[in-house]
């Protein structure tokens, strides 16, 4: 397998190993990233290999806005203890500000904080605090007005869930209500057009298979599917959901009443999608004490 510069960089970023060592590890393991990390560990060449092998599913989401641009960044740690650490929070806040100058996670890693690359800032903090950390993902929303909301805030503009809402129209109070709705309900998309067509088709096929189990004629099933897909859209798309502030209205209808157009949103939740091992509180404390 051809070893690319991007693969070498990824391995270096995750282990702190030198460029030639990272390249050799990938060559020896035929490009298998996990095996390359293990190879470096056995050779004693991965400065943070022990830490990089740990699951980092805690941490914080930070949100920041500058004019019509809003960013949300998830920075992970192993334990919730570190998420409450003032030094970690200061780093996360600085990363949020750096993110305003870029548009994706790769560019953010290369951006600088006080003359040092963000990726290196995170690596240095791993060594200092003694836990694995990762700059996991970043999202950008742009609009006439961008409103933020943080749920379970640990510090200003950062917490377990970060939401950005882009509005056409300047009603920030309404925007904050919508952001809180998004935090609570977690819509999959703004509207039907924003949904991945493959996801829609898969749901439609599932509903058709369920309907066919009833033994009803195809023409009846087709009518059933129309109703079921309408219900599905009302559940997963923001503008069609019942507004938590006023369940008598959909979010889209409430926006019209407020004279506002919702043009986009982002919701990031710490650890979302990361498979985390079950661990009791005592074990977590013991792990933190061991470093």
C-alpha atoms as a PDB file:
ATOM      1  CA  UNK A   1       0.000   0.000   0.000  1.00  0.00           C
ATOM      2  CA  UNK A   2       1.316   3.473  -0.905  1.00  0.00           C
ATOM      3  CA  UNK A   3       2.099   5.534   2.193  1.00  0.00           C
ATOM      4  CA  UNK A   4       0.988   9.129   1.659  1.00  0.00           C
ATOM      5  CA  UNK A   5       2.195  12.292   3.353  1.00  0.00           C
ATOM      6  CA  UNK A   6      -1.321  12.751   4.790  1.00  0.00           C
ATOM      7  CA  UNK A   7      -1.135   9.326   6.459  1.00  0.00           C
ATOM      8  CA  UNK A   8       2.275  10.144   7.945  1.00  0.00           C
ATOM      9  CA  UNK A   9       0.949  13.464   9.239  1.00  0.00           C
ATOM     10  CA  UNK A  10      -2.107  11.820  10.811  1.00  0.00           C
ATOM     11  CA  UNK A  11       0.076   9.295  12.627  1.00  0.00           C
ATOM     12  CA  UNK A  12       2.490  12.013  13.778  1.00  0.00           C
ATOM     13  CA  UNK A  13      -0.386  14.148  15.068  1.00  0.00           C
ATOM     14  CA  UNK A  14      -1.866  11.253  17.047  1.00  0.00           C
ATOM     15  CA  UNK A  15       1.369   9.899  18.531  1.00  0.00           C
ATOM     16  CA  UNK A  16       3.940  12.671  18.574  1.00  0.00           C
ATOM     17  CA  UNK A  17       6.406  10.400  16.774  1.00  0.00           C
ATOM     18  CA  UNK A  18       8.995  11.759  14.324  1.00  0.00           C
ATOM     19  CA  UNK A  19       8.294  11.900  10.599  1.00  0.00           C
ATOM     20  CA  UNK A  20      10.659   9.094   9.607  1.00  0.00           C
ATOM     21  CA  UNK A  21       9.505   6.886  12.484  1.00  0.00           C
ATOM     22  CA  UNK A  22       5.873   7.449  11.511  1.00  0.00           C
ATOM     23  CA  UNK A  23       6.606   6.623   7.874  1.00  0.00           C
ATOM     24  CA  UNK A  24       8.485   3.456   8.841  1.00  0.00           C
ATOM     25  CA  UNK A  25       5.674   2.349  11.147  1.00  0.00           C
ATOM     26  CA  UNK A  26       3.130   2.728   8.337  1.00  0.00           C
ATOM     27  CA  UNK A  27       5.410   0.911   5.907  1.00  0.00           C
ATOM     28  CA  UNK A  28       5.910  -1.981   8.345  1.00  0.00           C
ATOM     29  CA  UNK A  29       2.145  -2.294   8.942  1.00  0.00           C
ATOM     30  CA  UNK A  30       1.049  -1.798   5.312  1.00  0.00           C
ATOM     31  CA  UNK A  31      -0.721   1.468   6.104  1.00  0.00           C
ATOM     32  CA  UNK A  32      -2.842   0.144   8.987  1.00  0.00           C
ATOM     33  CA  UNK A  33      -3.104   3.202  11.288  1.00  0.00           C
ATOM     34  CA  UNK A  34      -4.001   1.299  14.469  1.00  0.00           C
ATOM     35  CA  UNK A  35      -1.265  -1.273  13.880  1.00  0.00           C
ATOM     36  CA  UNK A  36       1.202   1.550  13.204  1.00  0.00           C
ATOM     37  CA  UNK A  37       0.397   3.106  16.592  1.00  0.00           C
ATOM     38  CA  UNK A  38       1.040  -0.287  18.228  1.00  0.00           C
ATOM     39  CA  UNK A  39       4.315  -0.660  16.272  1.00  0.00           C
ATOM     40  CA  UNK A  40       5.487   2.723  17.564  1.00  0.00           C
ATOM     41  CA  UNK A  41       4.517   1.765  21.096  1.00  0.00           C
ATOM     42  CA  UNK A  42       6.528  -1.448  20.958  1.00  0.00           C
ATOM     43  CA  UNK A  43       9.545   0.534  19.728  1.00  0.00           C
ATOM     44  CA  UNK A  44       9.081   3.165  22.418  1.00  0.00           C
ATOM     45  CA  UNK A  45       8.777   5.853  19.769  1.00  0.00           C
ATOM     46  CA  UNK A  46       5.284   7.174  20.413  1.00  0.00           C
ATOM     47  CA  UNK A  47       5.542   9.969  22.939  1.00  0.00           C
ATOM     48  CA  UNK A  48       1.853   9.930  23.659  1.00  0.00           C
ATOM     49  CA  UNK A  49       0.960   6.453  22.402  1.00  0.00           C
ATOM     50  CA  UNK A  50      -0.393   5.229  25.729  1.00  0.00           C
ATOM     51  CA  UNK A  51      -2.618   8.268  25.985  1.00  0.00           C
ATOM     52  CA  UNK A  52      -3.656   8.235  22.316  1.00  0.00           C
ATOM     53  CA  UNK A  53      -5.000   4.714  22.750  1.00  0.00           C
ATOM     54  CA  UNK A  54      -7.463   5.802  25.401  1.00  0.00           C
ATOM     55  CA  UNK A  55     -11.036   6.715  24.550  1.00  0.00           C
ATOM     56  CA  UNK A  56     -11.607  10.467  24.740  1.00  0.00           C
ATOM     57  CA  UNK A  57     -15.388  10.896  24.825  1.00  0.00           C
ATOM     58  CA  UNK A  58     -15.730  13.683  27.383  1.00  0.00           C
ATOM     59  CA  UNK A  59     -14.662  17.315  27.015  1.00  0.00           C
ATOM     60  CA  UNK A  60     -16.392  20.465  25.793  1.00  0.00           C
ATOM     61  CA  UNK A  61     -18.017  22.093  22.801  1.00  0.00           C
ATOM     62  CA  UNK A  62     -17.108  25.757  22.378  1.00  0.00           C
ATOM     63  CA  UNK A  63     -19.109  28.232  20.278  1.00  0.00           C
ATOM     64  CA  UNK A  64     -17.958  31.602  18.962  1.00  0.00           C
ATOM     65  CA  UNK A  65     -19.430  34.244  16.673  1.00  0.00           C
ATOM     66  CA  UNK A  66     -17.891  37.063  14.681  1.00  0.00           C
ATOM     67  CA  UNK A  67     -20.354  39.096  12.652  1.00  0.00           C
ATOM     68  CA  UNK A  68     -22.320  36.736  10.450  1.00  0.00           C
ATOM     69  CA  UNK A  69     -20.070  33.721  11.060  1.00  0.00           C
ATOM     70  CA  UNK A  70     -20.474  31.229  13.886  1.00  0.00           C
ATOM     71  CA  UNK A  71     -18.286  28.243  14.718  1.00  0.00           C
ATOM     72  CA  UNK A  72     -18.681  25.261  17.025  1.00  0.00           C
ATOM     73  CA  UNK A  73     -15.716  23.050  17.942  1.00  0.00           C
ATOM     74  CA  UNK A  74     -15.639  19.811  19.938  1.00  0.00           C
ATOM     75  CA  UNK A  75     -12.488  19.205  21.973  1.00  0.00           C
ATOM     76  CA  UNK A  76     -12.451  15.847  23.732  1.00  0.00           C
ATOM     77  CA  UNK A  77     -10.806  14.601  26.910  1.00  0.00           C
ATOM     78  CA  UNK A  78     -10.945  11.237  28.650  1.00  0.00           C
ATOM     79  CA  UNK A  79     -12.760  12.330  31.800  1.00  0.00           C
ATOM     80  CA  UNK A  80     -15.266  14.934  32.848  1.00  0.00           C
ATOM     81  CA  UNK A  81     -12.740  16.082  35.465  1.00  0.00           C
ATOM     82  CA  UNK A  82     -10.561  17.582  32.744  1.00  0.00           C
ATOM     83  CA  UNK A  83     -13.600  19.220  31.151  1.00  0.00           C
ATOM     84  CA  UNK A  84     -13.962  21.177  34.389  1.00  0.00           C
ATOM     85  CA  UNK A  85     -10.267  22.047  34.517  1.00  0.00           C
ATOM     86  CA  UNK A  86      -9.676  25.811  34.119  1.00  0.00           C
ATOM     87  CA  UNK A  87      -6.500  25.237  32.093  1.00  0.00           C
ATOM     88  CA  UNK A  88      -8.320  22.934  29.671  1.00  0.00           C
ATOM     89  CA  UNK A  89     -11.198  25.427  29.397  1.00  0.00           C
ATOM     90  CA  UNK A  90      -8.772  28.242  28.609  1.00  0.00           C
ATOM     91  CA  UNK A  91      -7.300  26.168  25.795  1.00  0.00           C
ATOM     92  CA  UNK A  92     -10.746  25.308  24.424  1.00  0.00           C
ATOM     93  CA  UNK A  93     -11.759  28.974  24.490  1.00  0.00           C
ATOM     94  CA  UNK A  94      -8.617  29.926  22.543  1.00  0.00           C
ATOM     95  CA  UNK A  95      -9.330  27.175  20.006  1.00  0.00           C
ATOM     96  CA  UNK A  96     -12.849  28.578  19.519  1.00  0.00           C
ATOM     97  CA  UNK A  97     -11.427  32.002  18.696  1.00  0.00           C
ATOM     98  CA  UNK A  98      -8.850  30.506  16.331  1.00  0.00           C
ATOM     99  CA  UNK A  99     -11.652  28.625  14.555  1.00  0.00           C
ATOM    100  CA  UNK A 100     -13.278  31.899  13.499  1.00  0.00           C
ATOM    101  CA  UNK A 101     -10.436  32.387  11.038  1.00  0.00           C
ATOM    102  CA  UNK A 102     -10.790  29.021   9.268  1.00  0.00           C
ATOM    103  CA  UNK A 103     -13.506  26.836   7.738  1.00  0.00           C
ATOM    104  CA  UNK A 104     -12.696  23.222   8.602  1.00  0.00           C
ATOM    105  CA  UNK A 105     -11.003  21.036  11.200  1.00  0.00           C
ATOM    106  CA  UNK A 106      -7.840  20.442   9.171  1.00  0.00           C
ATOM    107  CA  UNK A 107      -7.279  24.167   8.745  1.00  0.00           C
ATOM    108  CA  UNK A 108      -7.977  24.664  12.452  1.00  0.00           C
ATOM    109  CA  UNK A 109      -5.231  22.220  13.399  1.00  0.00           C
ATOM    110  CA  UNK A 110      -2.806  24.311  11.347  1.00  0.00           C
ATOM    111  CA  UNK A 111      -4.073  27.652  12.709  1.00  0.00           C
ATOM    112  CA  UNK A 112      -2.013  29.321  15.408  1.00  0.00           C
ATOM    113  CA  UNK A 113      -2.547  30.355  19.014  1.00  0.00           C
ATOM    114  CA  UNK A 114       0.201  32.713  20.223  1.00  0.00           C
ATOM    115  CA  UNK A 115       2.505  31.534  17.447  1.00  0.00           C
ATOM    116  CA  UNK A 116       1.973  27.805  18.004  1.00  0.00           C
ATOM    117  CA  UNK A 117      -0.132  25.478  15.853  1.00  0.00           C
ATOM    118  CA  UNK A 118      -3.411  24.428  17.460  1.00  0.00           C
ATOM    119  CA  UNK A 119      -2.515  20.742  16.976  1.00  0.00           C
ATOM    120  CA  UNK A 120       0.721  21.317  18.913  1.00  0.00           C
ATOM    121  CA  UNK A 121      -1.112  23.219  21.639  1.00  0.00           C
ATOM    122  CA  UNK A 122      -3.353  20.164  22.164  1.00  0.00           C
ATOM    123  CA  UNK A 123      -0.359  17.793  22.140  1.00  0.00           C
ATOM    124  CA  UNK A 124       1.428  19.918  24.756  1.00  0.00           C
ATOM    125  CA  UNK A 125      -1.688  19.893  26.946  1.00  0.00           C
ATOM    126  CA  UNK A 126      -1.883  16.085  26.698  1.00  0.00           C
ATOM    127  CA  UNK A 127       1.646  15.867  28.063  1.00  0.00           C
ATOM    128  CA  UNK A 128       0.960  18.392  30.822  1.00  0.00           C
ATOM    129  CA  UNK A 129      -2.449  17.183  32.037  1.00  0.00           C
ATOM    130  CA  UNK A 130      -1.806  13.497  31.389  1.00  0.00           C
ATOM    131  CA  UNK A 131      -4.992  12.599  29.520  1.00  0.00           C
ATOM    132  CA  UNK A 132      -5.643  11.883  25.882  1.00  0.00           C
ATOM    133  CA  UNK A 133      -7.348  14.787  24.107  1.00  0.00           C
ATOM    134  CA  UNK A 134      -8.519  15.268  20.566  1.00  0.00           C
ATOM    135  CA  UNK A 135      -9.633  18.110  18.369  1.00  0.00           C
ATOM    136  CA  UNK A 136     -12.510  16.087  16.999  1.00  0.00           C
ATOM    137  CA  UNK A 137     -14.733  18.190  14.770  1.00  0.00           C
ATOM    138  CA  UNK A 138     -15.757  21.689  13.774  1.00  0.00           C
ATOM    139  CA  UNK A 139     -18.853  23.169  12.158  1.00  0.00           C
ATOM    140  CA  UNK A 140     -19.525  26.573  10.614  1.00  0.00           C
ATOM    141  CA  UNK A 141     -22.772  28.484  10.138  1.00  0.00           C
ATOM    142  CA  UNK A 142     -23.078  31.794   8.323  1.00  0.00           C
ATOM    143  CA  UNK A 143     -26.037  34.130   8.072  1.00  0.00           C
ATOM    144  CA  UNK A 144     -27.380  37.614   8.571  1.00  0.00           C
ATOM    145  CA  UNK A 145     -27.556  36.900  12.298  1.00  0.00           C
ATOM    146  CA  UNK A 146     -26.014  33.948  14.120  1.00  0.00           C
ATOM    147  CA  UNK A 147     -27.273  33.074  17.597  1.00  0.00           C
ATOM    148  CA  UNK A 148     -25.580  30.638  20.002  1.00  0.00           C
ATOM    149  CA  UNK A 149     -26.755  28.480  22.863  1.00  0.00           C
ATOM    150  CA  UNK A 150     -24.763  26.215  25.164  1.00  0.00           C
ATOM    151  CA  UNK A 151     -26.444  23.516  27.237  1.00  0.00           C
ATOM    152  CA  UNK A 152     -24.878  22.370  30.523  1.00  0.00           C
ATOM    153  CA  UNK A 153     -22.412  25.248  30.351  1.00  0.00           C
ATOM    154  CA  UNK A 154     -19.115  24.632  32.139  1.00  0.00           C
ATOM    155  CA  UNK A 155     -17.829  28.120  31.368  1.00  0.00           C
ATOM    156  CA  UNK A 156     -18.909  31.012  29.110  1.00  0.00           C
ATOM    157  CA  UNK A 157     -19.632  29.784  25.544  1.00  0.00           C
ATOM    158  CA  UNK A 158     -18.696  26.165  26.252  1.00  0.00           C
ATOM    159  CA  UNK A 159     -20.499  23.101  27.538  1.00  0.00           C
ATOM    160  CA  UNK A 160     -21.785  19.638  26.672  1.00  0.00           C
ATOM    161  CA  UNK A 161     -23.993  20.772  23.776  1.00  0.00           C
ATOM    162  CA  UNK A 162     -23.312  23.744  21.524  1.00  0.00           C
ATOM    163  CA  UNK A 163     -25.850  25.129  19.054  1.00  0.00           C
ATOM    164  CA  UNK A 164     -25.606  27.756  16.313  1.00  0.00           C
ATOM    165  CA  UNK A 165     -28.655  29.127  14.490  1.00  0.00           C
ATOM    166  CA  UNK A 166     -28.464  31.358  11.420  1.00  0.00           C
ATOM    167  CA  UNK A 167     -31.355  33.774  10.907  1.00  0.00           C
ATOM    168  CA  UNK A 168     -32.499  36.204   8.272  1.00  0.00           C
ATOM    169  CA  UNK A 169     -34.003  38.846  10.473  1.00  0.00           C
ATOM    170  CA  UNK A 170     -32.570  40.109  13.727  1.00  0.00           C
ATOM    171  CA  UNK A 171     -34.771  38.589  16.431  1.00  0.00           C
ATOM    172  CA  UNK A 172     -32.058  37.141  18.696  1.00  0.00           C
ATOM    173  CA  UNK A 173     -34.548  36.287  21.445  1.00  0.00           C
ATOM    174  CA  UNK A 174     -36.485  34.067  19.064  1.00  0.00           C
ATOM    175  CA  UNK A 175     -33.218  32.684  17.724  1.00  0.00           C
ATOM    176  CA  UNK A 176     -32.188  31.644  21.208  1.00  0.00           C
ATOM    177  CA  UNK A 177     -35.524  29.864  21.701  1.00  0.00           C
ATOM    178  CA  UNK A 178     -34.945  27.959  18.466  1.00  0.00           C
ATOM    179  CA  UNK A 179     -31.401  27.110  19.572  1.00  0.00           C
ATOM    180  CA  UNK A 180     -32.742  25.698  22.840  1.00  0.00           C
ATOM    181  CA  UNK A 181     -35.295  23.669  20.857  1.00  0.00           C
ATOM    182  CA  UNK A 182     -32.489  22.254  18.702  1.00  0.00           C
ATOM    183  CA  UNK A 183     -30.457  21.354  21.790  1.00  0.00           C
ATOM    184  CA  UNK A 184     -33.428  19.481  23.249  1.00  0.00           C
ATOM    185  CA  UNK A 185     -34.926  17.806  20.169  1.00  0.00           C
ATOM    186  CA  UNK A 186     -31.844  17.288  17.958  1.00  0.00           C
ATOM    187  CA  UNK A 187     -33.357  17.592  14.454  1.00  0.00           C
ATOM    188  CA  UNK A 188     -31.528  15.825  11.651  1.00  0.00           C
ATOM    189  CA  UNK A 189     -31.877  18.638   9.112  1.00  0.00           C
ATOM    190  CA  UNK A 190     -33.404  22.074   8.518  1.00  0.00           C
ATOM    191  CA  UNK A 191     -36.048  20.847   6.070  1.00  0.00           C
ATOM    192  CA  UNK A 192     -36.823  17.997   3.696  1.00  0.00           C
ATOM    193  CA  UNK A 193     -34.512  19.375   0.999  1.00  0.00           C
ATOM    194  CA  UNK A 194     -31.625  19.367   3.479  1.00  0.00           C
ATOM    195  CA  UNK A 195     -31.965  15.676   4.309  1.00  0.00           C
ATOM    196  CA  UNK A 196     -29.640  13.176   2.686  1.00  0.00           C
ATOM    197  CA  UNK A 197     -31.729  11.589  -0.137  1.00  0.00           C
ATOM    198  CA  UNK A 198     -30.238   8.194   0.718  1.00  0.00           C
ATOM    199  CA  UNK A 199     -31.528   8.505   4.290  1.00  0.00           C
ATOM    200  CA  UNK A 200     -34.991   9.462   3.049  1.00  0.00           C
ATOM    201  CA  UNK A 201     -35.072   6.573   0.582  1.00  0.00           C
ATOM    202  CA  UNK A 202     -33.959   4.118   3.248  1.00  0.00           C
ATOM    203  CA  UNK A 203     -36.702   5.278   5.623  1.00  0.00           C
ATOM    204  CA  UNK A 204     -39.262   5.035   2.846  1.00  0.00           C
ATOM    205  CA  UNK A 205     -38.167   1.480   2.066  1.00  0.00           C
ATOM    206  CA  UNK A 206     -38.367   0.498   5.733  1.00  0.00           C
ATOM    207  CA  UNK A 207     -41.887   1.909   5.980  1.00  0.00           C
ATOM    208  CA  UNK A 208     -42.915   0.081   2.812  1.00  0.00           C
ATOM    209  CA  UNK A 209     -41.592  -3.212   4.163  1.00  0.00           C
ATOM    210  CA  UNK A 210     -43.511  -2.668   7.398  1.00  0.00           C
ATOM    211  CA  UNK A 211     -46.691  -1.797   5.510  1.00  0.00           C
ATOM    212  CA  UNK A 212     -46.409  -4.872   3.286  1.00  0.00           C
ATOM    213  CA  UNK A 213     -46.396  -7.053   6.388  1.00  0.00           C
ATOM    214  CA  UNK A 214     -50.039  -6.003   6.846  1.00  0.00           C
ATOM    215  CA  UNK A 215     -50.945  -7.767   3.583  1.00  0.00           C
ATOM    216  CA  UNK A 216     -52.765  -4.714   2.208  1.00  0.00           C
ATOM    217  CA  UNK A 217     -52.877  -4.032  -1.572  1.00  0.00           C
ATOM    218  CA  UNK A 218     -50.053  -1.988  -3.116  1.00  0.00           C
ATOM    219  CA  UNK A 219     -52.303   0.989  -3.884  1.00  0.00           C
ATOM    220  CA  UNK A 220     -53.315   1.163  -0.229  1.00  0.00           C
ATOM    221  CA  UNK A 221     -49.699   0.811   0.859  1.00  0.00           C
ATOM    222  CA  UNK A 222     -48.688   3.752  -1.343  1.00  0.00           C
ATOM    223  CA  UNK A 223     -51.220   5.989   0.404  1.00  0.00           C
ATOM    224  CA  UNK A 224     -50.035   4.735   3.793  1.00  0.00           C
ATOM    225  CA  UNK A 225     -46.432   5.604   2.903  1.00  0.00           C
ATOM    226  CA  UNK A 226     -47.336   9.201   2.037  1.00  0.00           C
ATOM    227  CA  UNK A 227     -48.750   9.689   5.517  1.00  0.00           C
ATOM    228  CA  UNK A 228     -45.909   7.900   7.251  1.00  0.00           C
ATOM    229  CA  UNK A 229     -43.238   9.903   5.428  1.00  0.00           C
ATOM    230  CA  UNK A 230     -45.034  13.136   6.287  1.00  0.00           C
ATOM    231  CA  UNK A 231     -44.936  12.081   9.928  1.00  0.00           C
ATOM    232  CA  UNK A 232     -41.255  11.193   9.589  1.00  0.00           C
ATOM    233  CA  UNK A 233     -40.453  14.648   8.199  1.00  0.00           C
ATOM    234  CA  UNK A 234     -42.323  16.231  11.093  1.00  0.00           C
ATOM    235  CA  UNK A 235     -40.124  14.296  13.492  1.00  0.00           C
ATOM    236  CA  UNK A 236     -36.666  14.860  11.971  1.00  0.00           C
ATOM    237  CA  UNK A 237     -36.730  18.248  10.197  1.00  0.00           C
ATOM    238  CA  UNK A 238     -36.471  21.416  12.281  1.00  0.00           C
ATOM    239  CA  UNK A 239     -39.011  23.554  10.424  1.00  0.00           C
ATOM    240  CA  UNK A 240     -41.669  20.814  10.623  1.00  0.00           C
ATOM    241  CA  UNK A 241     -41.183  19.923  14.288  1.00  0.00           C
ATOM    242  CA  UNK A 242     -43.575  21.071  16.998  1.00  0.00           C
ATOM    243  CA  UNK A 243     -41.936  24.070  18.663  1.00  0.00           C
ATOM    244  CA  UNK A 244     -41.073  23.229  22.286  1.00  0.00           C
ATOM    245  CA  UNK A 245     -41.879  26.816  23.302  1.00  0.00           C
ATOM    246  CA  UNK A 246     -45.354  26.568  21.736  1.00  0.00           C
ATOM    247  CA  UNK A 247     -46.341  23.025  20.651  1.00  0.00           C
ATOM    248  CA  UNK A 248     -49.394  24.413  18.833  1.00  0.00           C
ATOM    249  CA  UNK A 249     -47.029  25.715  16.159  1.00  0.00           C
ATOM    250  CA  UNK A 250     -44.287  24.157  14.085  1.00  0.00           C
ATOM    251  CA  UNK A 251     -40.898  25.842  14.289  1.00  0.00           C
ATOM    252  CA  UNK A 252     -41.420  27.073  10.713  1.00  0.00           C
ATOM    253  CA  UNK A 253     -44.793  28.631  11.559  1.00  0.00           C
ATOM    254  CA  UNK A 254     -43.378  30.242  14.697  1.00  0.00           C
ATOM    255  CA  UNK A 255     -40.575  31.737  12.617  1.00  0.00           C
ATOM    256  CA  UNK A 256     -43.098  33.240  10.194  1.00  0.00           C
ATOM    257  CA  UNK A 257     -45.010  34.772  13.095  1.00  0.00           C
ATOM    258  CA  UNK A 258     -41.768  36.261  14.399  1.00  0.00           C
ATOM    259  CA  UNK A 259     -40.892  37.635  10.971  1.00  0.00           C
ATOM    260  CA  UNK A 260     -37.727  35.544  10.870  1.00  0.00           C
ATOM    261  CA  UNK A 261     -36.327  33.050   8.376  1.00  0.00           C
ATOM    262  CA  UNK A 262     -34.189  30.233   9.793  1.00  0.00           C
ATOM    263  CA  UNK A 263     -31.475  29.610   7.204  1.00  0.00           C
ATOM    264  CA  UNK A 264     -29.270  27.049   8.943  1.00  0.00           C
ATOM    265  CA  UNK A 265     -28.181  25.442  12.200  1.00  0.00           C
ATOM    266  CA  UNK A 266     -25.531  23.276  13.797  1.00  0.00           C
ATOM    267  CA  UNK A 267     -25.710  21.119  16.913  1.00  0.00           C
ATOM    268  CA  UNK A 268     -22.627  19.455  18.384  1.00  0.00           C
ATOM    269  CA  UNK A 269     -22.815  17.246  21.466  1.00  0.00           C
ATOM    270  CA  UNK A 270     -19.739  16.053  23.319  1.00  0.00           C
ATOM    271  CA  UNK A 271     -18.926  12.412  22.622  1.00  0.00           C
ATOM    272  CA  UNK A 272     -21.736  11.962  20.106  1.00  0.00           C
ATOM    273  CA  UNK A 273     -21.085   8.796  18.119  1.00  0.00           C
ATOM    274  CA  UNK A 274     -18.069   7.726  20.169  1.00  0.00           C
ATOM    275  CA  UNK A 275     -18.274   4.217  21.573  1.00  0.00           C
ATOM    276  CA  UNK A 276     -17.456   4.612  25.250  1.00  0.00           C
ATOM    277  CA  UNK A 277     -16.621   1.778  27.595  1.00  0.00           C
ATOM    278  CA  UNK A 278     -18.850   1.504  30.639  1.00  0.00           C
ATOM    279  CA  UNK A 279     -16.898   2.531  33.680  1.00  0.00           C
ATOM    280  CA  UNK A 280     -17.982   3.174  37.247  1.00  0.00           C
ATOM    281  CA  UNK A 281     -17.153   6.375  39.110  1.00  0.00           C
ATOM    282  CA  UNK A 282     -14.532   4.761  41.339  1.00  0.00           C
ATOM    283  CA  UNK A 283     -12.693   3.414  38.306  1.00  0.00           C
ATOM    284  CA  UNK A 284     -12.776   6.846  36.692  1.00  0.00           C
ATOM    285  CA  UNK A 285     -11.267   8.423  39.812  1.00  0.00           C
ATOM    286  CA  UNK A 286      -8.589   5.708  39.932  1.00  0.00           C
ATOM    287  CA  UNK A 287      -7.701   6.289  36.275  1.00  0.00           C
ATOM    288  CA  UNK A 288      -7.425  10.047  36.834  1.00  0.00           C
ATOM    289  CA  UNK A 289      -5.147   9.476  39.842  1.00  0.00           C
ATOM    290  CA  UNK A 290      -2.857   7.174  37.871  1.00  0.00           C
ATOM    291  CA  UNK A 291      -2.366   9.726  35.071  1.00  0.00           C
END
